[in-house]
């Protein structure tokens, strides 16, 4: 089935980096775009300008998905733009430290933002997708999910959980015309990785960081009609780190 008219894609964490690149790419493909963000209104407005420059319609959706407001973002996007038939769970945080140093707040903040919020938003958006018999859920995981990285037990647990959730929900809704996939970036040059040592690049077979646009290209494919038979999978965008 082809994408219905007036379909909306909701992208969380879309004020900069990977999320902003995804929002632009989906607008270029004709999606209305809900731009989810927490505090960076200036960045979100820049993303909105890029969406409109690409010929798309967009709206700003402020909210902290970690505290349960994510489901409200779906409702607001539907009211302002149209049915949310693509959901990109991209919002994420890091709070690194060796397991002995991680306190409960650091654990909860990462799990709540990176995993629990994605589940709640997927559950809410799935209602309209199943009803329409068309939908795309794309979860932005990480190569750290299946690959050990010392100092990131909370982040790895969240991203591994996201991949497991992706597979399970994909199996549940496949017959309804809804696909659920994950994209797992490696070392991508964004604000979130700016504090990582540059030596990290030496662990990448490609010997360079990836770009937000390269991750967005993978999401763009998974959100397209061409990917209608692709579900329950994880597409690694990592320069060979998972090889």
C-alpha atoms as a PDB file:
ATOM      1  CA  UNK A   1       0.000   0.000   0.000  1.00  0.00           C
ATOM      2  CA  UNK A   2       1.224   3.487  -0.832  1.00  0.00           C
ATOM      3  CA  UNK A   3       1.510   6.213   1.753  1.00  0.00           C
ATOM      4  CA  UNK A   4      -1.841   7.929   2.345  1.00  0.00           C
ATOM      5  CA  UNK A   5      -2.180  11.617   1.597  1.00  0.00           C
ATOM      6  CA  UNK A   6      -1.496  14.132   4.349  1.00  0.00           C
ATOM      7  CA  UNK A   7       0.630  11.603   6.226  1.00  0.00           C
ATOM      8  CA  UNK A   8       2.771  13.027   8.998  1.00  0.00           C
ATOM      9  CA  UNK A   9       6.169  11.935  10.265  1.00  0.00           C
ATOM     10  CA  UNK A  10       6.979  12.767  13.882  1.00  0.00           C
ATOM     11  CA  UNK A  11      10.685  13.002  14.651  1.00  0.00           C
ATOM     12  CA  UNK A  12      11.804  13.388  18.259  1.00  0.00           C
ATOM     13  CA  UNK A  13      15.064  15.123  19.119  1.00  0.00           C
ATOM     14  CA  UNK A  14      14.804  17.037  15.842  1.00  0.00           C
ATOM     15  CA  UNK A  15      16.321  20.377  16.832  1.00  0.00           C
ATOM     16  CA  UNK A  16      19.827  19.427  15.676  1.00  0.00           C
ATOM     17  CA  UNK A  17      22.134  16.670  14.526  1.00  0.00           C
ATOM     18  CA  UNK A  18      20.673  13.390  13.357  1.00  0.00           C
ATOM     19  CA  UNK A  19      17.078  14.366  14.138  1.00  0.00           C
ATOM     20  CA  UNK A  20      17.272  17.589  12.147  1.00  0.00           C
ATOM     21  CA  UNK A  21      18.780  15.753   9.172  1.00  0.00           C
ATOM     22  CA  UNK A  22      16.001  13.140   9.338  1.00  0.00           C
ATOM     23  CA  UNK A  23      13.312  15.834   9.433  1.00  0.00           C
ATOM     24  CA  UNK A  24      14.758  17.493   6.325  1.00  0.00           C
ATOM     25  CA  UNK A  25      15.056  14.198   4.443  1.00  0.00           C
ATOM     26  CA  UNK A  26      11.466  13.171   5.175  1.00  0.00           C
ATOM     27  CA  UNK A  27      10.172  16.597   4.134  1.00  0.00           C
ATOM     28  CA  UNK A  28      11.967  16.155   0.818  1.00  0.00           C
ATOM     29  CA  UNK A  29      10.021  12.915   0.395  1.00  0.00           C
ATOM     30  CA  UNK A  30       6.685  14.667   0.871  1.00  0.00           C
ATOM     31  CA  UNK A  31       5.950  13.949   4.534  1.00  0.00           C
ATOM     32  CA  UNK A  32       4.466  16.543   6.839  1.00  0.00           C
ATOM     33  CA  UNK A  33       6.949  16.730   9.718  1.00  0.00           C
ATOM     34  CA  UNK A  34       6.347  17.151  13.436  1.00  0.00           C
ATOM     35  CA  UNK A  35       9.551  18.502  14.965  1.00  0.00           C
ATOM     36  CA  UNK A  36       9.908  17.219  18.513  1.00  0.00           C
ATOM     37  CA  UNK A  37      12.350  18.969  20.828  1.00  0.00           C
ATOM     38  CA  UNK A  38      12.910  19.532  24.543  1.00  0.00           C
ATOM     39  CA  UNK A  39      14.590  22.925  25.100  1.00  0.00           C
ATOM     40  CA  UNK A  40      16.386  24.088  21.947  1.00  0.00           C
ATOM     41  CA  UNK A  41      13.648  26.193  20.356  1.00  0.00           C
ATOM     42  CA  UNK A  42      16.110  28.084  18.145  1.00  0.00           C
ATOM     43  CA  UNK A  43      17.426  24.821  16.726  1.00  0.00           C
ATOM     44  CA  UNK A  44      13.896  23.500  16.225  1.00  0.00           C
ATOM     45  CA  UNK A  45      12.946  26.653  14.345  1.00  0.00           C
ATOM     46  CA  UNK A  46      15.985  26.197  12.097  1.00  0.00           C
ATOM     47  CA  UNK A  47      14.807  22.655  11.379  1.00  0.00           C
ATOM     48  CA  UNK A  48      11.329  23.955  10.608  1.00  0.00           C
ATOM     49  CA  UNK A  49      12.808  26.462   8.145  1.00  0.00           C
ATOM     50  CA  UNK A  50      14.700  23.621   6.446  1.00  0.00           C
ATOM     51  CA  UNK A  51      11.530  21.509   6.264  1.00  0.00           C
ATOM     52  CA  UNK A  52       9.647  24.375   4.648  1.00  0.00           C
ATOM     53  CA  UNK A  53      12.531  25.078   2.266  1.00  0.00           C
ATOM     54  CA  UNK A  54      12.231  21.451   1.147  1.00  0.00           C
ATOM     55  CA  UNK A  55       8.587  22.101   0.286  1.00  0.00           C
ATOM     56  CA  UNK A  56       7.142  20.425   3.369  1.00  0.00           C
ATOM     57  CA  UNK A  57       4.727  21.405   6.114  1.00  0.00           C
ATOM     58  CA  UNK A  58       5.973  21.282   9.661  1.00  0.00           C
ATOM     59  CA  UNK A  59       5.122  22.173  13.214  1.00  0.00           C
ATOM     60  CA  UNK A  60       7.115  22.597  16.418  1.00  0.00           C
ATOM     61  CA  UNK A  61       6.331  20.174  19.232  1.00  0.00           C
ATOM     62  CA  UNK A  62       8.001  21.066  22.520  1.00  0.00           C
ATOM     63  CA  UNK A  63       8.059  18.474  25.288  1.00  0.00           C
ATOM     64  CA  UNK A  64      10.264  16.250  27.412  1.00  0.00           C
ATOM     65  CA  UNK A  65       9.547  12.708  26.245  1.00  0.00           C
ATOM     66  CA  UNK A  66      11.222  11.240  29.332  1.00  0.00           C
ATOM     67  CA  UNK A  67       8.427  12.391  31.636  1.00  0.00           C
ATOM     68  CA  UNK A  68       5.501  10.921  29.722  1.00  0.00           C
ATOM     69  CA  UNK A  69       4.624  13.843  27.438  1.00  0.00           C
ATOM     70  CA  UNK A  70       5.646  11.961  24.306  1.00  0.00           C
ATOM     71  CA  UNK A  71       2.160  10.579  23.750  1.00  0.00           C
ATOM     72  CA  UNK A  72       0.848  14.131  23.811  1.00  0.00           C
ATOM     73  CA  UNK A  73       3.280  15.046  21.034  1.00  0.00           C
ATOM     74  CA  UNK A  74       1.668  12.410  18.821  1.00  0.00           C
ATOM     75  CA  UNK A  75      -1.802  13.833  19.500  1.00  0.00           C
ATOM     76  CA  UNK A  76      -0.638  17.380  18.799  1.00  0.00           C
ATOM     77  CA  UNK A  77       1.057  16.370  15.548  1.00  0.00           C
ATOM     78  CA  UNK A  78      -2.118  14.638  14.396  1.00  0.00           C
ATOM     79  CA  UNK A  79      -4.237  17.679  15.254  1.00  0.00           C
ATOM     80  CA  UNK A  80      -1.937  20.185  13.551  1.00  0.00           C
ATOM     81  CA  UNK A  81      -0.696  18.260  10.503  1.00  0.00           C
ATOM     82  CA  UNK A  82      -2.508  14.989   9.893  1.00  0.00           C
ATOM     83  CA  UNK A  83      -2.283  11.320  10.843  1.00  0.00           C
ATOM     84  CA  UNK A  84       1.088  10.272  12.256  1.00  0.00           C
ATOM     85  CA  UNK A  85       1.992   7.384   9.985  1.00  0.00           C
ATOM     86  CA  UNK A  86       5.744   7.559  10.551  1.00  0.00           C
ATOM     87  CA  UNK A  87       7.367   7.821  13.954  1.00  0.00           C
ATOM     88  CA  UNK A  88      11.111   8.285  14.341  1.00  0.00           C
ATOM     89  CA  UNK A  89      12.160   7.743  17.949  1.00  0.00           C
ATOM     90  CA  UNK A  90      15.428   9.643  17.852  1.00  0.00           C
ATOM     91  CA  UNK A  91      15.533  11.553  21.164  1.00  0.00           C
ATOM     92  CA  UNK A  92      18.397  10.342  23.304  1.00  0.00           C
ATOM     93  CA  UNK A  93      20.738  11.266  26.121  1.00  0.00           C
ATOM     94  CA  UNK A  94      23.992   9.963  27.562  1.00  0.00           C
ATOM     95  CA  UNK A  95      25.161   9.836  31.164  1.00  0.00           C
ATOM     96  CA  UNK A  96      28.380   7.868  31.026  1.00  0.00           C
ATOM     97  CA  UNK A  97      30.305   6.206  33.826  1.00  0.00           C
ATOM     98  CA  UNK A  98      31.572   2.816  34.882  1.00  0.00           C
ATOM     99  CA  UNK A  99      28.854   0.635  36.371  1.00  0.00           C
ATOM    100  CA  UNK A 100      30.170   1.156  39.900  1.00  0.00           C
ATOM    101  CA  UNK A 101      29.823   4.918  39.403  1.00  0.00           C
ATOM    102  CA  UNK A 102      26.366   5.030  37.833  1.00  0.00           C
ATOM    103  CA  UNK A 103      23.768   6.229  40.315  1.00  0.00           C
ATOM    104  CA  UNK A 104      20.033   5.597  40.010  1.00  0.00           C
ATOM    105  CA  UNK A 105      19.340   9.026  38.524  1.00  0.00           C
ATOM    106  CA  UNK A 106      21.867   8.489  35.718  1.00  0.00           C
ATOM    107  CA  UNK A 107      20.410   5.053  34.996  1.00  0.00           C
ATOM    108  CA  UNK A 108      16.777   6.194  35.058  1.00  0.00           C
ATOM    109  CA  UNK A 109      17.344   9.297  32.931  1.00  0.00           C
ATOM    110  CA  UNK A 110      18.942   7.332  30.104  1.00  0.00           C
ATOM    111  CA  UNK A 111      16.464   4.439  30.214  1.00  0.00           C
ATOM    112  CA  UNK A 112      13.439   6.745  30.463  1.00  0.00           C
ATOM    113  CA  UNK A 113      14.509   8.929  27.529  1.00  0.00           C
ATOM    114  CA  UNK A 114      16.061   6.373  25.195  1.00  0.00           C
ATOM    115  CA  UNK A 115      13.787   3.379  25.753  1.00  0.00           C
ATOM    116  CA  UNK A 116      10.636   3.961  27.798  1.00  0.00           C
ATOM    117  CA  UNK A 117       9.657   7.095  25.888  1.00  0.00           C
ATOM    118  CA  UNK A 118      10.109   5.277  22.580  1.00  0.00           C
ATOM    119  CA  UNK A 119       7.797   2.507  23.742  1.00  0.00           C
ATOM    120  CA  UNK A 120       5.098   4.902  24.918  1.00  0.00           C
ATOM    121  CA  UNK A 121       5.170   6.932  21.719  1.00  0.00           C
ATOM    122  CA  UNK A 122       5.142   3.804  19.562  1.00  0.00           C
ATOM    123  CA  UNK A 123       2.164   2.434  21.488  1.00  0.00           C
ATOM    124  CA  UNK A 124       0.256   5.701  20.944  1.00  0.00           C
ATOM    125  CA  UNK A 125       1.143   6.161  17.270  1.00  0.00           C
ATOM    126  CA  UNK A 126       0.420   2.520  16.456  1.00  0.00           C
ATOM    127  CA  UNK A 127      -3.312   3.047  16.952  1.00  0.00           C
ATOM    128  CA  UNK A 128      -3.610   5.257  13.890  1.00  0.00           C
ATOM    129  CA  UNK A 129      -1.174   3.175  11.863  1.00  0.00           C
ATOM    130  CA  UNK A 130      -3.071  -0.061  12.445  1.00  0.00           C
ATOM    131  CA  UNK A 131      -6.349   1.696  11.651  1.00  0.00           C
ATOM    132  CA  UNK A 132      -4.869   3.062   8.402  1.00  0.00           C
ATOM    133  CA  UNK A 133      -3.182  -0.260   7.638  1.00  0.00           C
ATOM    134  CA  UNK A 134      -0.040   1.727   6.901  1.00  0.00           C
ATOM    135  CA  UNK A 135       2.772   2.856   9.146  1.00  0.00           C
ATOM    136  CA  UNK A 136       6.487   3.206   9.672  1.00  0.00           C
ATOM    137  CA  UNK A 137       8.192   3.143  13.065  1.00  0.00           C
ATOM    138  CA  UNK A 138      11.947   3.728  13.014  1.00  0.00           C
ATOM    139  CA  UNK A 139      13.909   3.579  16.239  1.00  0.00           C
ATOM    140  CA  UNK A 140      17.331   5.182  16.380  1.00  0.00           C
ATOM    141  CA  UNK A 141      19.389   2.679  18.340  1.00  0.00           C
ATOM    142  CA  UNK A 142      23.196   2.462  18.391  1.00  0.00           C
ATOM    143  CA  UNK A 143      26.047   0.150  17.551  1.00  0.00           C
ATOM    144  CA  UNK A 144      26.631   0.199  21.329  1.00  0.00           C
ATOM    145  CA  UNK A 145      23.460  -1.893  21.805  1.00  0.00           C
ATOM    146  CA  UNK A 146      24.938  -5.218  20.641  1.00  0.00           C
ATOM    147  CA  UNK A 147      28.608  -4.162  21.076  1.00  0.00           C
ATOM    148  CA  UNK A 148      30.232  -3.601  24.468  1.00  0.00           C
ATOM    149  CA  UNK A 149      31.479  -0.106  25.237  1.00  0.00           C
ATOM    150  CA  UNK A 150      32.906   0.363  28.723  1.00  0.00           C
ATOM    151  CA  UNK A 151      31.328   3.228  30.635  1.00  0.00           C
ATOM    152  CA  UNK A 152      27.937   3.034  28.945  1.00  0.00           C
ATOM    153  CA  UNK A 153      26.011   0.271  30.723  1.00  0.00           C
ATOM    154  CA  UNK A 154      22.870   2.434  30.897  1.00  0.00           C
ATOM    155  CA  UNK A 155      23.099   3.610  27.284  1.00  0.00           C
ATOM    156  CA  UNK A 156      23.879   0.094  25.993  1.00  0.00           C
ATOM    157  CA  UNK A 157      20.986  -1.381  27.958  1.00  0.00           C
ATOM    158  CA  UNK A 158      18.586   1.197  26.529  1.00  0.00           C
ATOM    159  CA  UNK A 159      19.761   0.730  22.949  1.00  0.00           C
ATOM    160  CA  UNK A 160      19.814  -3.072  23.169  1.00  0.00           C
ATOM    161  CA  UNK A 161      16.314  -2.917  24.611  1.00  0.00           C
ATOM    162  CA  UNK A 162      15.254  -0.699  21.727  1.00  0.00           C
ATOM    163  CA  UNK A 163      16.455  -3.278  19.218  1.00  0.00           C
ATOM    164  CA  UNK A 164      14.620  -6.068  21.045  1.00  0.00           C
ATOM    165  CA  UNK A 165      11.460  -3.988  21.232  1.00  0.00           C
ATOM    166  CA  UNK A 166      11.733  -3.241  17.519  1.00  0.00           C
ATOM    167  CA  UNK A 167      11.794  -6.930  16.590  1.00  0.00           C
ATOM    168  CA  UNK A 168       8.914  -7.885  18.844  1.00  0.00           C
ATOM    169  CA  UNK A 169       6.526  -5.106  17.828  1.00  0.00           C
ATOM    170  CA  UNK A 170       7.414  -5.679  14.158  1.00  0.00           C
ATOM    171  CA  UNK A 171       6.192  -9.264  14.461  1.00  0.00           C
ATOM    172  CA  UNK A 172       3.001  -8.126  16.161  1.00  0.00           C
ATOM    173  CA  UNK A 173       1.883  -5.645  13.490  1.00  0.00           C
ATOM    174  CA  UNK A 174       3.423  -6.932  10.248  1.00  0.00           C
ATOM    175  CA  UNK A 175       0.100  -8.178   8.872  1.00  0.00           C
ATOM    176  CA  UNK A 176      -1.392  -4.707   9.411  1.00  0.00           C
ATOM    177  CA  UNK A 177       0.848  -2.985   6.894  1.00  0.00           C
ATOM    178  CA  UNK A 178       3.019  -1.436   9.595  1.00  0.00           C
ATOM    179  CA  UNK A 179       6.787  -1.864   9.578  1.00  0.00           C
ATOM    180  CA  UNK A 180       9.014  -1.409  12.614  1.00  0.00           C
ATOM    181  CA  UNK A 181      12.765  -1.121  12.141  1.00  0.00           C
ATOM    182  CA  UNK A 182      15.835   0.289  13.827  1.00  0.00           C
ATOM    183  CA  UNK A 183      18.817   2.241  12.599  1.00  0.00           C
ATOM    184  CA  UNK A 184      22.007   1.795  14.603  1.00  0.00           C
ATOM    185  CA  UNK A 185      24.523   4.595  14.075  1.00  0.00           C
ATOM    186  CA  UNK A 186      28.145   4.259  15.031  1.00  0.00           C
ATOM    187  CA  UNK A 187      30.392   7.259  15.639  1.00  0.00           C
ATOM    188  CA  UNK A 188      28.457  10.137  14.074  1.00  0.00           C
ATOM    189  CA  UNK A 189      29.765  13.697  14.239  1.00  0.00           C
ATOM    190  CA  UNK A 190      27.179  15.540  16.367  1.00  0.00           C
ATOM    191  CA  UNK A 191      27.021  17.574  19.572  1.00  0.00           C
ATOM    192  CA  UNK A 192      26.333  14.342  21.453  1.00  0.00           C
ATOM    193  CA  UNK A 193      29.704  12.884  20.443  1.00  0.00           C
ATOM    194  CA  UNK A 194      31.715  16.102  20.633  1.00  0.00           C
ATOM    195  CA  UNK A 195      33.180  15.169  24.030  1.00  0.00           C
ATOM    196  CA  UNK A 196      34.380  11.739  22.914  1.00  0.00           C
ATOM    197  CA  UNK A 197      38.132  11.366  22.324  1.00  0.00           C
ATOM    198  CA  UNK A 198      39.136  11.668  18.687  1.00  0.00           C
ATOM    199  CA  UNK A 199      40.973   8.345  19.046  1.00  0.00           C
ATOM    200  CA  UNK A 200      37.527   6.721  18.802  1.00  0.00           C
ATOM    201  CA  UNK A 201      37.742   7.215  15.036  1.00  0.00           C
ATOM    202  CA  UNK A 202      40.678   4.794  14.939  1.00  0.00           C
ATOM    203  CA  UNK A 203      38.289   2.018  16.012  1.00  0.00           C
ATOM    204  CA  UNK A 204      36.140   2.672  12.929  1.00  0.00           C
ATOM    205  CA  UNK A 205      37.197   0.609   9.901  1.00  0.00           C
ATOM    206  CA  UNK A 206      36.203   3.494   7.620  1.00  0.00           C
ATOM    207  CA  UNK A 207      38.594   5.739   9.606  1.00  0.00           C
ATOM    208  CA  UNK A 208      36.158   8.630   9.710  1.00  0.00           C
ATOM    209  CA  UNK A 209      33.049   9.660  11.595  1.00  0.00           C
ATOM    210  CA  UNK A 210      29.704   9.399   9.892  1.00  0.00           C
ATOM    211  CA  UNK A 211      27.431  12.354   9.174  1.00  0.00           C
ATOM    212  CA  UNK A 212      23.852  12.965  10.285  1.00  0.00           C
ATOM    213  CA  UNK A 213      22.846  12.958   6.633  1.00  0.00           C
ATOM    214  CA  UNK A 214      24.129   9.397   6.208  1.00  0.00           C
ATOM    215  CA  UNK A 215      21.927   8.226   9.071  1.00  0.00           C
ATOM    216  CA  UNK A 216      19.011  10.209   7.652  1.00  0.00           C
ATOM    217  CA  UNK A 217      19.403   8.433   4.307  1.00  0.00           C
ATOM    218  CA  UNK A 218      18.864   5.080   6.036  1.00  0.00           C
ATOM    219  CA  UNK A 219      15.787   6.381   7.855  1.00  0.00           C
ATOM    220  CA  UNK A 220      14.481   7.858   4.631  1.00  0.00           C
ATOM    221  CA  UNK A 221      14.627   4.455   2.961  1.00  0.00           C
ATOM    222  CA  UNK A 222      12.923   2.649   5.849  1.00  0.00           C
ATOM    223  CA  UNK A 223      10.135   5.247   5.848  1.00  0.00           C
ATOM    224  CA  UNK A 224       9.534   4.886   2.116  1.00  0.00           C
ATOM    225  CA  UNK A 225       7.073   2.726   0.224  1.00  0.00           C
ATOM    226  CA  UNK A 226      10.080   0.879  -1.211  1.00  0.00           C
ATOM    227  CA  UNK A 227      10.748  -0.588   2.260  1.00  0.00           C
ATOM    228  CA  UNK A 228       7.284  -2.070   2.688  1.00  0.00           C
ATOM    229  CA  UNK A 229       8.693  -5.610   3.002  1.00  0.00           C
ATOM    230  CA  UNK A 230      11.489  -4.642   5.382  1.00  0.00           C
ATOM    231  CA  UNK A 231      10.499  -5.037   9.020  1.00  0.00           C
ATOM    232  CA  UNK A 232      12.014  -6.180  12.292  1.00  0.00           C
ATOM    233  CA  UNK A 233      15.536  -5.433  11.167  1.00  0.00           C
ATOM    234  CA  UNK A 234      18.360  -3.184  12.330  1.00  0.00           C
ATOM    235  CA  UNK A 235      20.311  -1.239   9.725  1.00  0.00           C
ATOM    236  CA  UNK A 236      23.795  -0.354  10.946  1.00  0.00           C
ATOM    237  CA  UNK A 237      25.265   2.962   9.801  1.00  0.00           C
ATOM    238  CA  UNK A 238      28.648   2.644  11.463  1.00  0.00           C
ATOM    239  CA  UNK A 239      31.505   2.581   8.981  1.00  0.00           C
ATOM    240  CA  UNK A 240      32.069  -1.116   9.640  1.00  0.00           C
ATOM    241  CA  UNK A 241      32.191  -1.105  13.472  1.00  0.00           C
ATOM    242  CA  UNK A 242      29.675  -3.943  13.693  1.00  0.00           C
ATOM    243  CA  UNK A 243      31.388  -6.071  11.036  1.00  0.00           C
END
